Amino acid sequence: MPPPDRGFTVRALGEIAIRCRDLDAMVAFYRDIIGLPLLEGGHRGGIVFFSLGESYGGHTAVFALFRGDAPARPSSLHHLALTVDRAEQDAVTRWYEANAIPYRIEDFAWIGWRGIFAEDPEGNTVELVAATGTTGYPAPAEP
């Protein structure tokens, strides 16, 4: 069955926002460890905005951290994936090791990705992912 004609198409991720218990620690992690640049004028009260680069149609993709009480239960966020160049992934592991950041590496051969996973100060999983340029395995079975 063909998809319905909605009259619009989602083109890219525009923004992702995370509520934080310790905004200062989270800003330091994403700025100093991950290397995200702050948007000019990106401090708005209890919100800090980082640039993820140009998105679709001139929109800047944004990562935002909000000061506030995080839920007592675990977040429904599974993980946040940020793209890096494959040639830079060895630098990621060296940087994490130099900063005592535990990490794990996972290859997704079926789609041609390699991810380096770590946790931010509030326990959210952060993946720095790159295309490997090779695929060859079938996609995982539907659940």
N, C-alpha and C. Protein backbone atom coordinates (compact mmCIF):
# COMPACT_ATOMS: atom_id res chain seq x y z
N MET A 1 0.84 -1.17 0.00
CA MET A 1 0.00 0.00 0.00
C MET A 1 0.89 1.24 0.00
N PRO A 2 0.67 2.18 -0.92
CA PRO A 2 1.49 3.40 -0.95
C PRO A 2 1.21 4.27 0.27
N PRO A 3 2.23 5.03 0.69
CA PRO A 3 2.00 5.92 1.84
C PRO A 3 1.01 7.01 1.47
N PRO A 4 0.28 7.52 2.45
CA PRO A 4 -0.68 8.59 2.16
C PRO A 4 0.04 9.87 1.73
N ASP A 5 -0.64 10.67 0.92
CA ASP A 5 -0.09 11.96 0.52
C ASP A 5 -0.40 12.97 1.61
N ARG A 6 0.60 13.27 2.43
CA ARG A 6 0.40 14.19 3.55
C ARG A 6 0.56 15.65 3.14
N GLY A 7 1.19 15.88 2.01
CA GLY A 7 1.45 17.24 1.61
C GLY A 7 2.72 17.81 2.20
N PHE A 8 3.45 17.01 2.98
CA PHE A 8 4.72 17.43 3.54
C PHE A 8 5.61 16.20 3.70
N THR A 9 6.92 16.46 3.81
CA THR A 9 7.91 15.41 4.03
C THR A 9 8.88 15.89 5.09
N VAL A 10 9.08 15.10 6.13
CA VAL A 10 10.09 15.42 7.12
C VAL A 10 11.45 15.26 6.44
N ARG A 11 12.28 16.29 6.51
CA ARG A 11 13.56 16.30 5.77
C ARG A 11 14.78 16.04 6.64
N ALA A 12 14.72 16.42 7.91
CA ALA A 12 15.90 16.28 8.77
C ALA A 12 15.48 16.54 10.22
N LEU A 13 16.37 16.21 11.12
CA LEU A 13 16.16 16.53 12.53
C LEU A 13 16.43 18.02 12.73
N GLY A 14 15.50 18.73 13.35
CA GLY A 14 15.69 20.15 13.60
C GLY A 14 16.29 20.43 14.96
N GLU A 15 15.81 19.72 15.98
CA GLU A 15 16.27 19.97 17.34
C GLU A 15 16.01 18.74 18.19
N ILE A 16 16.87 18.52 19.13
CA ILE A 16 16.62 17.56 20.20
C ILE A 16 16.96 18.26 21.49
N ALA A 17 16.13 18.05 22.52
CA ALA A 17 16.32 18.74 23.79
C ALA A 17 16.26 17.73 24.93
N ILE A 18 17.13 17.92 25.91
CA ILE A 18 17.20 17.05 27.07
C ILE A 18 17.03 17.89 28.33
N ARG A 19 16.17 17.44 29.21
CA ARG A 19 15.98 18.07 30.52
C ARG A 19 17.10 17.57 31.43
N CYS A 20 17.73 18.46 32.21
CA CYS A 20 18.92 18.12 33.00
C CYS A 20 18.73 18.46 34.47
N ARG A 21 19.27 17.61 35.32
CA ARG A 21 19.33 17.92 36.75
C ARG A 21 20.52 18.83 37.03
N ASP A 22 21.66 18.57 36.35
CA ASP A 22 22.89 19.34 36.57
C ASP A 22 23.30 19.97 35.24
N LEU A 23 22.72 21.13 34.96
CA LEU A 23 22.95 21.79 33.67
C LEU A 23 24.42 22.11 33.45
N ASP A 24 25.13 22.57 34.48
CA ASP A 24 26.54 22.94 34.31
C ASP A 24 27.38 21.73 33.89
N ALA A 25 27.18 20.58 34.52
CA ALA A 25 27.94 19.37 34.17
C ALA A 25 27.61 18.92 32.77
N MET A 26 26.34 19.01 32.38
CA MET A 26 25.94 18.59 31.04
C MET A 26 26.51 19.52 29.98
N VAL A 27 26.48 20.83 30.23
CA VAL A 27 27.07 21.79 29.28
C VAL A 27 28.56 21.51 29.13
N ALA A 28 29.26 21.30 30.23
CA ALA A 28 30.70 21.02 30.17
C ALA A 28 30.97 19.75 29.36
N PHE A 29 30.17 18.70 29.55
CA PHE A 29 30.38 17.45 28.81
C PHE A 29 30.19 17.66 27.31
N TYR A 30 29.07 18.23 26.91
CA TYR A 30 28.79 18.38 25.48
C TYR A 30 29.68 19.43 24.82
N ARG A 31 30.11 20.43 25.55
CA ARG A 31 31.01 21.46 25.01
C ARG A 31 32.45 20.96 25.01
N ASP A 32 32.93 20.45 26.16
CA ASP A 32 34.35 20.17 26.32
C ASP A 32 34.76 18.75 25.91
N ILE A 33 33.88 17.77 26.12
CA ILE A 33 34.21 16.39 25.77
C ILE A 33 33.75 16.06 24.36
N ILE A 34 32.49 16.32 24.05
CA ILE A 34 31.95 16.01 22.72
C ILE A 34 32.37 17.07 21.70
N GLY A 35 32.53 18.32 22.13
CA GLY A 35 33.00 19.37 21.23
C GLY A 35 31.93 20.12 20.48
N LEU A 36 30.70 20.12 20.98
CA LEU A 36 29.65 20.87 20.30
C LEU A 36 29.84 22.37 20.53
N PRO A 37 29.71 23.15 19.46
CA PRO A 37 29.82 24.61 19.62
C PRO A 37 28.52 25.21 20.14
N LEU A 38 28.64 26.14 21.08
CA LEU A 38 27.47 26.87 21.56
C LEU A 38 26.98 27.81 20.46
N LEU A 39 25.68 27.92 20.33
CA LEU A 39 25.13 28.91 19.41
C LEU A 39 25.38 30.30 19.98
N GLU A 40 25.67 31.26 19.12
CA GLU A 40 25.83 32.63 19.58
C GLU A 40 24.52 33.07 20.21
N GLY A 41 24.60 33.59 21.41
CA GLY A 41 23.39 33.97 22.13
C GLY A 41 22.61 32.77 22.62
N GLY A 42 23.27 31.61 22.71
CA GLY A 42 22.59 30.36 23.01
C GLY A 42 22.29 30.10 24.47
N HIS A 43 22.57 31.06 25.35
CA HIS A 43 22.19 30.92 26.76
C HIS A 43 20.91 31.70 26.96
N ARG A 44 19.83 31.01 27.22
CA ARG A 44 18.53 31.66 27.39
C ARG A 44 17.94 31.23 28.73
N GLY A 45 18.32 31.91 29.79
CA GLY A 45 17.83 31.52 31.10
C GLY A 45 18.34 30.14 31.46
N GLY A 46 17.44 29.21 31.66
CA GLY A 46 17.82 27.85 32.02
C GLY A 46 17.97 26.93 30.84
N ILE A 47 18.20 27.48 29.63
CA ILE A 47 18.34 26.68 28.42
C ILE A 47 19.66 27.04 27.74
N VAL A 48 20.39 26.03 27.28
CA VAL A 48 21.63 26.25 26.54
C VAL A 48 21.50 25.54 25.19
N PHE A 49 21.81 26.27 24.12
CA PHE A 49 21.67 25.74 22.76
C PHE A 49 23.05 25.53 22.12
N PHE A 50 23.22 24.36 21.53
CA PHE A 50 24.42 24.02 20.77
C PHE A 50 24.04 23.84 19.30
N SER A 51 24.98 24.14 18.42
CA SER A 51 24.76 23.92 16.99
C SER A 51 25.20 22.52 16.60
N LEU A 52 24.37 21.86 15.79
CA LEU A 52 24.74 20.58 15.19
C LEU A 52 25.03 20.75 13.70
N GLY A 53 25.17 22.00 13.27
CA GLY A 53 25.47 22.27 11.86
C GLY A 53 24.21 22.58 11.08
N GLU A 54 24.41 22.86 9.80
CA GLU A 54 23.30 23.20 8.95
C GLU A 54 22.42 21.98 8.72
N SER A 55 21.14 22.19 8.77
CA SER A 55 20.18 21.12 8.52
C SER A 55 19.51 21.38 7.18
N TYR A 56 18.26 21.17 7.08
CA TYR A 56 17.55 21.32 5.82
C TYR A 56 17.02 22.73 5.64
N GLY A 57 17.13 23.27 4.45
CA GLY A 57 16.50 24.54 4.10
C GLY A 57 17.01 25.74 4.87
N GLY A 58 18.29 25.70 5.29
CA GLY A 58 18.87 26.83 6.00
C GLY A 58 18.63 26.81 7.50
N HIS A 59 17.93 25.81 8.00
CA HIS A 59 17.69 25.68 9.44
C HIS A 59 18.92 25.08 10.10
N THR A 60 19.36 25.65 11.20
CA THR A 60 20.46 25.08 11.97
C THR A 60 19.91 23.97 12.84
N ALA A 61 20.51 22.79 12.78
CA ALA A 61 20.12 21.71 13.68
C ALA A 61 20.64 22.07 15.07
N VAL A 62 19.81 21.86 16.08
CA VAL A 62 20.12 22.33 17.42
C VAL A 62 20.01 21.20 18.44
N PHE A 63 20.93 21.21 19.39
CA PHE A 63 20.88 20.35 20.56
C PHE A 63 20.71 21.27 21.74
N ALA A 64 19.66 21.08 22.54
CA ALA A 64 19.37 21.99 23.65
C ALA A 64 19.36 21.24 24.97
N LEU A 65 19.88 21.89 25.99
CA LEU A 65 19.84 21.37 27.35
C LEU A 65 18.98 22.31 28.19
N PHE A 66 17.98 21.76 28.89
CA PHE A 66 17.06 22.53 29.70
C PHE A 66 17.31 22.26 31.17
N ARG A 67 17.46 23.32 31.95
CA ARG A 67 17.56 23.15 33.41
C ARG A 67 16.18 22.76 33.92
N GLY A 68 16.14 21.77 34.76
CA GLY A 68 14.87 21.35 35.33
C GLY A 68 14.98 20.00 35.97
N ASP A 69 13.97 19.67 36.73
CA ASP A 69 13.96 18.38 37.39
C ASP A 69 13.70 17.29 36.36
N ALA A 70 14.66 16.40 36.23
CA ALA A 70 14.47 15.26 35.34
C ALA A 70 13.51 14.29 36.02
N PRO A 71 12.81 13.51 35.24
CA PRO A 71 11.87 12.57 35.86
C PRO A 71 12.59 11.59 36.78
N ALA A 72 11.89 11.14 37.81
CA ALA A 72 12.46 10.18 38.74
C ALA A 72 12.69 8.83 38.05
N ARG A 73 11.87 8.52 37.07
CA ARG A 73 12.05 7.28 36.34
C ARG A 73 13.08 7.49 35.23
N PRO A 74 13.63 6.41 34.72
CA PRO A 74 14.59 6.56 33.62
C PRO A 74 13.93 7.23 32.41
N SER A 75 14.72 7.95 31.67
CA SER A 75 14.23 8.62 30.46
C SER A 75 13.82 7.60 29.42
N SER A 76 12.90 7.98 28.55
CA SER A 76 12.53 7.11 27.44
C SER A 76 13.51 7.26 26.27
N LEU A 77 14.45 8.19 26.39
CA LEU A 77 15.48 8.36 25.37
C LEU A 77 16.38 7.12 25.37
N HIS A 78 16.50 6.47 24.22
CA HIS A 78 17.40 5.31 24.14
C HIS A 78 18.83 5.78 24.00
N HIS A 79 19.10 6.63 23.00
CA HIS A 79 20.42 7.22 22.86
C HIS A 79 20.36 8.38 21.88
N LEU A 80 21.40 9.17 21.91
CA LEU A 80 21.58 10.31 21.02
C LEU A 80 22.76 9.98 20.13
N ALA A 81 22.59 10.02 18.82
CA ALA A 81 23.68 9.73 17.89
C ALA A 81 24.08 11.02 17.17
N LEU A 82 25.37 11.31 17.21
CA LEU A 82 25.93 12.47 16.52
C LEU A 82 26.94 11.95 15.51
N THR A 83 26.93 12.48 14.31
CA THR A 83 27.78 11.99 13.24
C THR A 83 29.16 12.62 13.28
N VAL A 84 30.17 11.77 13.13
CA VAL A 84 31.55 12.21 12.96
C VAL A 84 32.10 11.54 11.71
N ASP A 85 33.22 12.01 11.22
CA ASP A 85 33.88 11.38 10.09
C ASP A 85 34.55 10.10 10.55
N ARG A 86 34.50 9.07 9.72
CA ARG A 86 35.11 7.78 10.08
C ARG A 86 36.59 7.96 10.42
N ALA A 87 37.28 8.82 9.69
CA ALA A 87 38.71 9.03 9.92
C ALA A 87 38.98 9.64 11.30
N GLU A 88 37.96 10.19 11.95
CA GLU A 88 38.13 10.82 13.26
C GLU A 88 37.77 9.90 14.42
N GLN A 89 37.27 8.71 14.15
CA GLN A 89 36.83 7.86 15.25
C GLN A 89 37.98 7.39 16.15
N ASP A 90 39.18 7.19 15.60
CA ASP A 90 40.31 6.85 16.46
C ASP A 90 40.64 8.00 17.40
N ALA A 91 40.47 9.22 16.92
CA ALA A 91 40.69 10.38 17.78
C ALA A 91 39.65 10.43 18.89
N VAL A 92 38.43 10.00 18.59
CA VAL A 92 37.38 9.95 19.62
C VAL A 92 37.81 9.01 20.75
N THR A 93 38.26 7.80 20.40
CA THR A 93 38.64 6.85 21.45
C THR A 93 39.85 7.35 22.24
N ARG A 94 40.81 7.98 21.57
CA ARG A 94 41.96 8.54 22.29
C ARG A 94 41.51 9.65 23.25
N TRP A 95 40.59 10.50 22.79
CA TRP A 95 40.08 11.61 23.60
C TRP A 95 39.33 11.08 24.82
N TYR A 96 38.47 10.09 24.59
CA TYR A 96 37.75 9.49 25.70
C TYR A 96 38.72 8.87 26.71
N GLU A 97 39.72 8.17 26.23
CA GLU A 97 40.71 7.55 27.13
C GLU A 97 41.47 8.61 27.92
N ALA A 98 41.86 9.70 27.26
CA ALA A 98 42.59 10.78 27.93
C ALA A 98 41.74 11.47 29.00
N ASN A 99 40.42 11.40 28.82
CA ASN A 99 39.50 12.04 29.77
C ASN A 99 38.77 11.04 30.66
N ALA A 100 39.26 9.80 30.67
CA ALA A 100 38.70 8.73 31.52
C ALA A 100 37.20 8.54 31.30
N ILE A 101 36.77 8.62 30.05
CA ILE A 101 35.38 8.39 29.69
C ILE A 101 35.25 6.95 29.20
N PRO A 102 34.53 6.10 29.93
CA PRO A 102 34.33 4.73 29.45
C PRO A 102 33.53 4.74 28.14
N TYR A 103 33.85 3.81 27.24
CA TYR A 103 33.14 3.74 25.96
C TYR A 103 33.12 2.30 25.47
N ARG A 104 32.25 2.06 24.50
CA ARG A 104 32.24 0.79 23.79
C ARG A 104 32.03 1.08 22.32
N ILE A 105 32.51 0.17 21.48
CA ILE A 105 32.40 0.32 20.03
C ILE A 105 31.50 -0.78 19.50
N GLU A 106 30.63 -0.41 18.59
CA GLU A 106 29.76 -1.39 17.96
C GLU A 106 29.73 -1.14 16.46
N ASP A 107 29.89 -2.22 15.70
CA ASP A 107 29.82 -2.15 14.24
C ASP A 107 28.44 -2.61 13.80
N PHE A 108 27.84 -1.86 12.90
CA PHE A 108 26.54 -2.19 12.33
C PHE A 108 26.75 -2.46 10.84
N ALA A 109 27.32 -3.64 10.56
CA ALA A 109 27.72 -3.99 9.19
C ALA A 109 26.56 -4.00 8.21
N TRP A 110 25.37 -4.35 8.70
CA TRP A 110 24.23 -4.45 7.80
C TRP A 110 23.88 -3.12 7.15
N ILE A 111 24.23 -2.01 7.84
CA ILE A 111 23.91 -0.69 7.29
C ILE A 111 25.16 0.14 7.01
N GLY A 112 26.33 -0.38 7.41
CA GLY A 112 27.58 0.33 7.13
C GLY A 112 27.89 1.45 8.09
N TRP A 113 27.62 1.25 9.38
CA TRP A 113 27.90 2.25 10.41
C TRP A 113 28.80 1.65 11.47
N ARG A 114 29.54 2.52 12.15
CA ARG A 114 30.32 2.13 13.32
C ARG A 114 30.08 3.20 14.37
N GLY A 115 29.67 2.78 15.57
CA GLY A 115 29.35 3.72 16.64
C GLY A 115 30.26 3.55 17.83
N ILE A 116 30.60 4.66 18.44
CA ILE A 116 31.35 4.69 19.70
C ILE A 116 30.39 5.26 20.74
N PHE A 117 30.08 4.45 21.75
CA PHE A 117 29.07 4.79 22.74
C PHE A 117 29.70 5.17 24.07
N ALA A 118 29.22 6.25 24.67
CA ALA A 118 29.63 6.69 26.00
C ALA A 118 28.38 7.19 26.71
N GLU A 119 28.54 7.63 27.96
CA GLU A 119 27.41 8.21 28.70
C GLU A 119 27.76 9.62 29.13
N ASP A 120 26.74 10.49 29.08
CA ASP A 120 26.92 11.85 29.58
C ASP A 120 26.77 11.83 31.10
N PRO A 121 26.97 12.97 31.78
CA PRO A 121 26.92 12.97 33.25
C PRO A 121 25.60 12.53 33.85
N GLU A 122 24.52 12.54 33.08
CA GLU A 122 23.22 12.12 33.62
C GLU A 122 22.81 10.74 33.16
N GLY A 123 23.75 10.01 32.53
CA GLY A 123 23.49 8.63 32.15
C GLY A 123 22.86 8.42 30.80
N ASN A 124 22.71 9.47 29.99
CA ASN A 124 22.20 9.31 28.63
C ASN A 124 23.30 8.73 27.76
N THR A 125 22.96 7.77 26.92
CA THR A 125 23.92 7.18 26.01
C THR A 125 24.13 8.12 24.82
N VAL A 126 25.39 8.42 24.52
CA VAL A 126 25.76 9.28 23.41
C VAL A 126 26.61 8.46 22.45
N GLU A 127 26.16 8.37 21.21
CA GLU A 127 26.89 7.63 20.18
C GLU A 127 27.52 8.62 19.21
N LEU A 128 28.81 8.44 18.94
CA LEU A 128 29.46 9.18 17.85
C LEU A 128 29.59 8.18 16.72
N VAL A 129 28.78 8.37 15.69
CA VAL A 129 28.61 7.38 14.63
C VAL A 129 29.21 7.87 13.32
N ALA A 130 29.71 6.92 12.54
CA ALA A 130 30.27 7.24 11.22
C ALA A 130 29.89 6.16 10.23
N ALA A 131 29.74 6.55 8.99
CA ALA A 131 29.54 5.59 7.92
C ALA A 131 30.87 4.93 7.63
N THR A 132 30.85 3.60 7.46
CA THR A 132 32.09 2.87 7.18
C THR A 132 32.32 2.70 5.69
N GLY A 133 31.27 2.91 4.90
CA GLY A 133 31.40 2.74 3.46
C GLY A 133 31.25 1.30 3.00
N THR A 134 31.01 0.40 3.94
CA THR A 134 30.81 -1.00 3.57
C THR A 134 29.57 -1.55 4.23
N THR A 135 28.82 -2.30 3.47
CA THR A 135 27.68 -3.03 4.00
C THR A 135 27.77 -4.45 3.45
N GLY A 136 26.91 -5.29 3.87
CA GLY A 136 26.98 -6.63 3.33
C GLY A 136 26.17 -7.64 4.09
N TYR A 137 25.64 -7.25 5.22
CA TYR A 137 24.83 -8.19 5.98
C TYR A 137 23.36 -7.83 5.79
N PRO A 138 22.47 -8.80 5.88
CA PRO A 138 21.06 -8.46 5.79
C PRO A 138 20.61 -7.65 6.99
N ALA A 139 19.58 -6.88 6.79
CA ALA A 139 19.02 -6.09 7.89
C ALA A 139 18.47 -7.03 8.96
N PRO A 140 18.44 -6.58 10.21
CA PRO A 140 17.89 -7.43 11.27
C PRO A 140 16.42 -7.75 11.00
N ALA A 141 15.98 -8.88 11.51
CA ALA A 141 14.59 -9.29 11.35
C ALA A 141 13.67 -8.33 12.08
N GLU A 142 12.49 -8.16 11.55
CA GLU A 142 11.49 -7.31 12.22
C GLU A 142 11.13 -7.92 13.56
N PRO A 143 10.92 -7.09 14.59
CA PRO A 143 10.54 -7.63 15.91
C PRO A 143 9.13 -8.21 15.89
